[in-house]
Amino acid sequence: MIQIDNAIVALDIIEENFLCNLCACKGSCCVEGESGAPLENEEVEIIEKILPVIWDDLSPEAQALIKKQGVAYKDRDGDMVTSIINGEDCVFTYYDGDGICKCAIEKAYKEGKTDFYKPISCHLYPIRLEEYKDFTAVNYHRWRVCKPAVSLGNKEGLKIYQFLKEPLIRKFGEAWYNELCIAVDEYNKMKQEGKI
């Protein structure tokens, strides 16, 4: 593990390759799973505020569920997560002309309609954060639906922390990310020299 400030980064994040391949997976991470995407408390309020901006991009089923249940609910672990339709699609999904599942919140952001990109847990995936009293664990969440991303990452030689540069900076700041890169270089050097 590598510690940067109060974040402890699993070595998988700097050693494993990953690059989303939407053409292959069709955005199934927004559809499959036991519950919705984890949300930070302030994100629920933000999403409620921008709901009118994304409303027309949501399916009728999503609109009905949001009216009934809201944009989020507490899952069985007691965490706030995005509402999901029939145990599958996140309520904020839509499908493009190629049948790829995408995020209506991200679409609105890219169209300049909001300054909220999307929930940080979605932006950081396949990284999952676990908050503890004194530190944040930064872990790699392996999931079979992401096998195409692993294959493409291996082909391109792109590490997880490199692929997720933008969301890591969004979450922890640019100085933190730069420190991580320095630590990675040092780790790789020590590895080459057989010191670890």
C-alpha atoms as a PDB file:
ATOM      1  CA  MET A   1       0.000   0.000   0.000  1.00  0.00           C
ATOM      2  CA  ILE A   2       1.008   3.615  -0.536  1.00  0.00           C
ATOM      3  CA  GLN A   3      -0.085   6.338   1.859  1.00  0.00           C
ATOM      4  CA  ILE A   4      -0.623   9.880   0.555  1.00  0.00           C
ATOM      5  CA  ASP A   5      -1.902  12.184   3.289  1.00  0.00           C
ATOM      6  CA  ASN A   6      -4.792  10.332   4.934  1.00  0.00           C
ATOM      7  CA  ALA A   7      -5.481   8.102   1.923  1.00  0.00           C
ATOM      8  CA  ILE A   8      -4.104   4.572   1.758  1.00  0.00           C
ATOM      9  CA  VAL A   9      -3.877   3.426  -1.853  1.00  0.00           C
ATOM     10  CA  ALA A  10      -3.923  -0.304  -2.633  1.00  0.00           C
ATOM     11  CA  LEU A  11      -1.012  -1.418  -4.820  1.00  0.00           C
ATOM     12  CA  ASP A  12      -3.524  -2.796  -7.350  1.00  0.00           C
ATOM     13  CA  ILE A  13      -4.351   0.821  -8.259  1.00  0.00           C
ATOM     14  CA  ILE A  14      -0.808   1.430  -9.479  1.00  0.00           C
ATOM     15  CA  GLU A  15      -0.027  -2.052 -10.806  1.00  0.00           C
ATOM     16  CA  GLU A  16      -3.188  -3.150 -12.623  1.00  0.00           C
ATOM     17  CA  ASN A  17      -4.256  -1.939 -16.073  1.00  0.00           C
ATOM     18  CA  PHE A  18      -7.733  -0.622 -16.885  1.00  0.00           C
ATOM     19  CA  LEU A  19      -9.425   1.366 -19.642  1.00  0.00           C
ATOM     20  CA  CYS A  20     -13.218   1.449 -20.001  1.00  0.00           C
ATOM     21  CA  ASN A  21     -14.411  -0.158 -23.218  1.00  0.00           C
ATOM     22  CA  LEU A  22     -18.031   0.969 -23.560  1.00  0.00           C
ATOM     23  CA  CYS A  23     -18.407  -0.621 -26.996  1.00  0.00           C
ATOM     24  CA  ALA A  24     -17.793  -4.019 -25.398  1.00  0.00           C
ATOM     25  CA  CYS A  25     -19.487  -3.725 -21.997  1.00  0.00           C
ATOM     26  CA  LYS A  26     -22.337  -1.398 -23.070  1.00  0.00           C
ATOM     27  CA  GLY A  27     -22.155   0.439 -19.725  1.00  0.00           C
ATOM     28  CA  SER A  28     -23.327  -2.591 -17.746  1.00  0.00           C
ATOM     29  CA  CYS A  29     -21.828  -1.215 -14.498  1.00  0.00           C
ATOM     30  CA  CYS A  30     -24.799   1.200 -14.441  1.00  0.00           C
ATOM     31  CA  VAL A  31     -27.232  -1.703 -14.770  1.00  0.00           C
ATOM     32  CA  GLU A  32     -25.880  -4.683 -12.843  1.00  0.00           C
ATOM     33  CA  GLY A  33     -25.165  -4.936  -9.145  1.00  0.00           C
ATOM     34  CA  GLU A  34     -26.938  -5.392  -5.844  1.00  0.00           C
ATOM     35  CA  SER A  35     -27.768  -1.733  -5.261  1.00  0.00           C
ATOM     36  CA  GLY A  36     -27.364   1.735  -6.740  1.00  0.00           C
ATOM     37  CA  ALA A  37     -24.194   3.790  -6.892  1.00  0.00           C
ATOM     38  CA  PRO A  38     -22.881   5.008  -3.512  1.00  0.00           C
ATOM     39  CA  LEU A  39     -23.599   8.679  -2.824  1.00  0.00           C
ATOM     40  CA  GLU A  40     -21.975  11.196  -0.527  1.00  0.00           C
ATOM     41  CA  ASN A  41     -24.516  13.105   1.601  1.00  0.00           C
ATOM     42  CA  GLU A  42     -24.124  16.397  -0.251  1.00  0.00           C
ATOM     43  CA  GLU A  43     -24.526  14.631  -3.604  1.00  0.00           C
ATOM     44  CA  VAL A  44     -28.126  13.708  -2.812  1.00  0.00           C
ATOM     45  CA  GLU A  45     -28.958  17.413  -2.405  1.00  0.00           C
ATOM     46  CA  ILE A  46     -27.054  18.345  -5.572  1.00  0.00           C
ATOM     47  CA  ILE A  47     -28.876  15.705  -7.626  1.00  0.00           C
ATOM     48  CA  GLU A  48     -32.240  16.843  -6.267  1.00  0.00           C
ATOM     49  CA  LYS A  49     -31.415  20.400  -7.361  1.00  0.00           C
ATOM     50  CA  ILE A  50     -30.381  19.415 -10.895  1.00  0.00           C
ATOM     51  CA  LEU A  51     -33.257  16.960 -11.368  1.00  0.00           C
ATOM     52  CA  PRO A  52     -35.279  19.374 -13.562  1.00  0.00           C
ATOM     53  CA  VAL A  53     -32.243  19.693 -15.887  1.00  0.00           C
ATOM     54  CA  ILE A  54     -31.971  15.936 -16.501  1.00  0.00           C
ATOM     55  CA  TRP A  55     -35.641  14.969 -16.108  1.00  0.00           C
ATOM     56  CA  ASP A  56     -36.459  14.685 -19.826  1.00  0.00           C
ATOM     57  CA  ASP A  57     -33.522  12.307 -20.404  1.00  0.00           C
ATOM     58  CA  LEU A  58     -34.835   9.842 -17.805  1.00  0.00           C
ATOM     59  CA  SER A  59     -37.069   6.913 -18.696  1.00  0.00           C
ATOM     60  CA  PRO A  60     -40.745   6.973 -17.668  1.00  0.00           C
ATOM     61  CA  GLU A  61     -39.952   4.142 -15.210  1.00  0.00           C
ATOM     62  CA  ALA A  62     -37.153   6.206 -13.662  1.00  0.00           C
ATOM     63  CA  GLN A  63     -39.375   9.273 -13.387  1.00  0.00           C
ATOM     64  CA  ALA A  64     -42.109   7.249 -11.685  1.00  0.00           C
ATOM     65  CA  LEU A  65     -39.657   5.681  -9.227  1.00  0.00           C
ATOM     66  CA  ILE A  66     -38.081   9.031  -8.358  1.00  0.00           C
ATOM     67  CA  LYS A  67     -41.549  10.484  -7.704  1.00  0.00           C
ATOM     68  CA  LYS A  68     -42.311   7.559  -5.404  1.00  0.00           C
ATOM     69  CA  GLN A  69     -38.940   6.917  -3.705  1.00  0.00           C
ATOM     70  CA  GLY A  70     -36.705   9.893  -4.452  1.00  0.00           C
ATOM     71  CA  VAL A  71     -33.303  10.026  -6.137  1.00  0.00           C
ATOM     72  CA  ALA A  72     -31.675   7.805  -3.495  1.00  0.00           C
ATOM     73  CA  TYR A  73     -32.355   5.226  -0.785  1.00  0.00           C
ATOM     74  CA  LYS A  74     -30.459   3.497   2.007  1.00  0.00           C
ATOM     75  CA  ASP A  75     -29.225   0.059   0.975  1.00  0.00           C
ATOM     76  CA  ARG A  76     -28.975  -2.945   3.292  1.00  0.00           C
ATOM     77  CA  ASP A  77     -25.607  -1.684   4.599  1.00  0.00           C
ATOM     78  CA  GLY A  78     -27.202   1.636   5.524  1.00  0.00           C
ATOM     79  CA  ASP A  79     -25.419   3.571   2.774  1.00  0.00           C
ATOM     80  CA  MET A  80     -27.120   6.145   0.547  1.00  0.00           C
ATOM     81  CA  VAL A  81     -27.203   4.924  -3.062  1.00  0.00           C
ATOM     82  CA  THR A  82     -28.919   5.970  -6.278  1.00  0.00           C
ATOM     83  CA  SER A  83     -32.392   4.560  -6.811  1.00  0.00           C
ATOM     84  CA  ILE A  84     -32.554   1.636  -9.233  1.00  0.00           C
ATOM     85  CA  ILE A  85     -35.338   0.327 -11.439  1.00  0.00           C
ATOM     86  CA  ASN A  86     -36.425  -3.274 -10.765  1.00  0.00           C
ATOM     87  CA  GLY A  87     -33.058  -4.087  -9.176  1.00  0.00           C
ATOM     88  CA  GLU A  88     -31.221  -3.154 -12.360  1.00  0.00           C
ATOM     89  CA  ASP A  89     -30.789   0.220 -14.111  1.00  0.00           C
ATOM     90  CA  CYS A  90     -29.755   3.257 -12.108  1.00  0.00           C
ATOM     91  CA  VAL A  91     -32.557   5.829 -12.437  1.00  0.00           C
ATOM     92  CA  PHE A  92     -30.103   8.242 -14.103  1.00  0.00           C
ATOM     93  CA  THR A  93     -29.328   5.983 -17.055  1.00  0.00           C
ATOM     94  CA  TYR A  94     -30.349   6.402 -20.657  1.00  0.00           C
ATOM     95  CA  TYR A  95     -29.413   4.448 -23.784  1.00  0.00           C
ATOM     96  CA  ASP A  96     -27.754   5.950 -26.836  1.00  0.00           C
ATOM     97  CA  GLY A  97     -28.372   4.882 -30.451  1.00  0.00           C
ATOM     98  CA  ASP A  98     -25.862   2.036 -30.121  1.00  0.00           C
ATOM     99  CA  GLY A  99     -27.608   0.594 -27.058  1.00  0.00           C
ATOM    100  CA  ILE A 100     -24.881   1.795 -24.694  1.00  0.00           C
ATOM    101  CA  CYS A 101     -26.063   2.676 -21.217  1.00  0.00           C
ATOM    102  CA  LYS A 102     -24.933   6.180 -20.243  1.00  0.00           C
ATOM    103  CA  CYS A 103     -25.454   8.695 -17.440  1.00  0.00           C
ATOM    104  CA  ALA A 104     -27.969  11.534 -17.852  1.00  0.00           C
ATOM    105  CA  ILE A 105     -26.135  13.572 -15.202  1.00  0.00           C
ATOM    106  CA  GLU A 106     -22.846  13.294 -17.099  1.00  0.00           C
ATOM    107  CA  LYS A 107     -24.647  14.163 -20.346  1.00  0.00           C
ATOM    108  CA  ALA A 108     -26.018  17.372 -18.791  1.00  0.00           C
ATOM    109  CA  TYR A 109     -22.530  18.233 -17.507  1.00  0.00           C
ATOM    110  CA  LYS A 110     -20.957  17.733 -20.949  1.00  0.00           C
ATOM    111  CA  GLU A 111     -23.695  19.894 -22.477  1.00  0.00           C
ATOM    112  CA  GLY A 112     -22.849  22.692 -20.004  1.00  0.00           C
ATOM    113  CA  LYS A 113     -26.206  22.472 -18.204  1.00  0.00           C
ATOM    114  CA  THR A 114     -24.713  21.729 -14.758  1.00  0.00           C
ATOM    115  CA  ASP A 115     -21.330  21.926 -13.046  1.00  0.00           C
ATOM    116  CA  PHE A 116     -21.863  18.565 -11.316  1.00  0.00           C
ATOM    117  CA  TYR A 117     -20.121  15.824 -13.319  1.00  0.00           C
ATOM    118  CA  LYS A 118     -21.786  12.802 -11.705  1.00  0.00           C
ATOM    119  CA  PRO A 119     -21.498  11.017  -8.340  1.00  0.00           C
ATOM    120  CA  ILE A 120     -17.841  10.660  -7.397  1.00  0.00           C
ATOM    121  CA  SER A 121     -18.282   6.902  -6.833  1.00  0.00           C
ATOM    122  CA  CYS A 122     -19.289   6.545 -10.500  1.00  0.00           C
ATOM    123  CA  HIS A 123     -16.525   8.847 -11.735  1.00  0.00           C
ATOM    124  CA  LEU A 124     -13.892   6.906  -9.742  1.00  0.00           C
ATOM    125  CA  TYR A 125     -15.026   3.412 -10.713  1.00  0.00           C
ATOM    126  CA  PRO A 126     -13.393   0.777 -10.570  1.00  0.00           C
ATOM    127  CA  ILE A 127     -11.915   2.476  -7.505  1.00  0.00           C
ATOM    128  CA  ARG A 128     -14.043   2.193  -4.404  1.00  0.00           C
ATOM    129  CA  LEU A 129     -13.404   4.341  -1.329  1.00  0.00           C
ATOM    130  CA  GLU A 130     -13.924   3.162   2.224  1.00  0.00           C
ATOM    131  CA  GLU A 131     -13.944   5.799   4.929  1.00  0.00           C
ATOM    132  CA  TYR A 132     -12.436   4.929   8.285  1.00  0.00           C
ATOM    133  CA  LYS A 133     -11.900   7.062  11.366  1.00  0.00           C
ATOM    134  CA  ASP A 134      -8.319   8.074  10.518  1.00  0.00           C
ATOM    135  CA  PHE A 135      -7.952   7.301   6.824  1.00  0.00           C
ATOM    136  CA  THR A 136      -9.617   6.637   3.482  1.00  0.00           C
ATOM    137  CA  ALA A 137      -8.935   3.277   1.839  1.00  0.00           C
ATOM    138  CA  VAL A 138      -8.559   3.554  -1.949  1.00  0.00           C
ATOM    139  CA  ASN A 139      -9.255   0.069  -3.339  1.00  0.00           C
ATOM    140  CA  TYR A 140      -9.680  -1.634  -6.701  1.00  0.00           C
ATOM    141  CA  HIS A 141     -13.106  -3.265  -7.100  1.00  0.00           C
ATOM    142  CA  ARG A 142     -12.840  -6.204  -9.482  1.00  0.00           C
ATOM    143  CA  TRP A 143     -16.038  -7.058 -11.344  1.00  0.00           C
ATOM    144  CA  ARG A 144     -16.633  -9.506 -14.185  1.00  0.00           C
ATOM    145  CA  VAL A 145     -18.496  -6.877 -16.238  1.00  0.00           C
ATOM    146  CA  CYS A 146     -15.236  -4.928 -16.474  1.00  0.00           C
ATOM    147  CA  LYS A 147     -13.215  -7.697 -18.151  1.00  0.00           C
ATOM    148  CA  PRO A 148     -13.235  -5.765 -21.459  1.00  0.00           C
ATOM    149  CA  ALA A 149     -11.767  -2.755 -19.608  1.00  0.00           C
ATOM    150  CA  VAL A 150      -8.984  -4.907 -18.170  1.00  0.00           C
ATOM    151  CA  SER A 151      -8.223  -6.321 -21.642  1.00  0.00           C
ATOM    152  CA  LEU A 152      -8.141  -2.867 -23.224  1.00  0.00           C
ATOM    153  CA  GLY A 153      -6.060  -1.509 -20.349  1.00  0.00           C
ATOM    154  CA  ASN A 154      -3.560  -4.343 -20.823  1.00  0.00           C
ATOM    155  CA  LYS A 155      -3.418  -3.646 -24.554  1.00  0.00           C
ATOM    156  CA  GLU A 156      -2.815   0.089 -24.000  1.00  0.00           C
ATOM    157  CA  GLY A 157      -0.633  -0.334 -20.885  1.00  0.00           C
ATOM    158  CA  LEU A 158      -2.720   2.143 -18.902  1.00  0.00           C
ATOM    159  CA  LYS A 159      -2.690   1.790 -15.120  1.00  0.00           C
ATOM    160  CA  ILE A 160      -5.843   2.369 -13.051  1.00  0.00           C
ATOM    161  CA  TYR A 161      -4.461   5.519 -11.402  1.00  0.00           C
ATOM    162  CA  GLN A 162      -3.571   6.930 -14.845  1.00  0.00           C
ATOM    163  CA  PHE A 163      -6.981   6.123 -16.328  1.00  0.00           C
ATOM    164  CA  LEU A 164      -8.682   7.745 -13.332  1.00  0.00           C
ATOM    165  CA  LYS A 165      -6.474  10.839 -13.119  1.00  0.00           C
ATOM    166  CA  GLU A 166      -9.391  13.296 -13.512  1.00  0.00           C
ATOM    167  CA  PRO A 167     -11.671  11.817 -10.823  1.00  0.00           C
ATOM    168  CA  LEU A 168      -8.740  11.244  -8.435  1.00  0.00           C
ATOM    169  CA  ILE A 169      -7.846  14.934  -8.762  1.00  0.00           C
ATOM    170  CA  ARG A 170     -11.524  15.827  -8.329  1.00  0.00           C
ATOM    171  CA  LYS A 171     -11.659  13.845  -5.086  1.00  0.00           C
ATOM    172  CA  PHE A 172      -8.231  14.421  -3.539  1.00  0.00           C
ATOM    173  CA  GLY A 173      -6.750  17.434  -5.381  1.00  0.00           C
ATOM    174  CA  GLU A 174      -3.969  17.940  -7.912  1.00  0.00           C
ATOM    175  CA  ALA A 175      -1.187  18.149  -5.314  1.00  0.00           C
ATOM    176  CA  TRP A 176      -2.295  14.772  -3.907  1.00  0.00           C
ATOM    177  CA  TYR A 177      -2.299  13.206  -7.379  1.00  0.00           C
ATOM    178  CA  ASN A 178       1.160  14.592  -8.140  1.00  0.00           C
ATOM    179  CA  GLU A 179       2.414  13.113  -4.865  1.00  0.00           C
ATOM    180  CA  LEU A 180       0.902   9.778  -5.839  1.00  0.00           C
ATOM    181  CA  CYS A 181       2.762   9.868  -9.166  1.00  0.00           C
ATOM    182  CA  ILE A 182       6.052  10.590  -7.375  1.00  0.00           C
ATOM    183  CA  ALA A 183       5.393   7.699  -4.980  1.00  0.00           C
ATOM    184  CA  VAL A 184       4.583   5.398  -7.921  1.00  0.00           C
ATOM    185  CA  ASP A 185       7.859   6.315  -9.654  1.00  0.00           C
ATOM    186  CA  GLU A 186       9.761   5.600  -6.441  1.00  0.00           C
ATOM    187  CA  TYR A 187       7.916   2.306  -5.951  1.00  0.00           C
ATOM    188  CA  ASN A 188       8.653   1.185  -9.528  1.00  0.00           C
ATOM    189  CA  LYS A 189      12.319   2.136  -9.162  1.00  0.00           C
ATOM    190  CA  MET A 190      12.646   0.137  -5.921  1.00  0.00           C
ATOM    191  CA  LYS A 191      10.883  -2.790  -7.603  1.00  0.00           C
ATOM    192  CA  GLN A 192      13.302  -2.728 -10.542  1.00  0.00           C
ATOM    193  CA  GLU A 193      16.231  -2.666  -8.146  1.00  0.00           C
ATOM    194  CA  GLY A 194      14.800  -5.664  -6.294  1.00  0.00           C
ATOM    195  CA  LYS A 195      14.386  -3.747  -3.050  1.00  0.00           C
ATOM    196  CA  ILE A 196      10.722  -4.764  -2.744  1.00  0.00           C
END
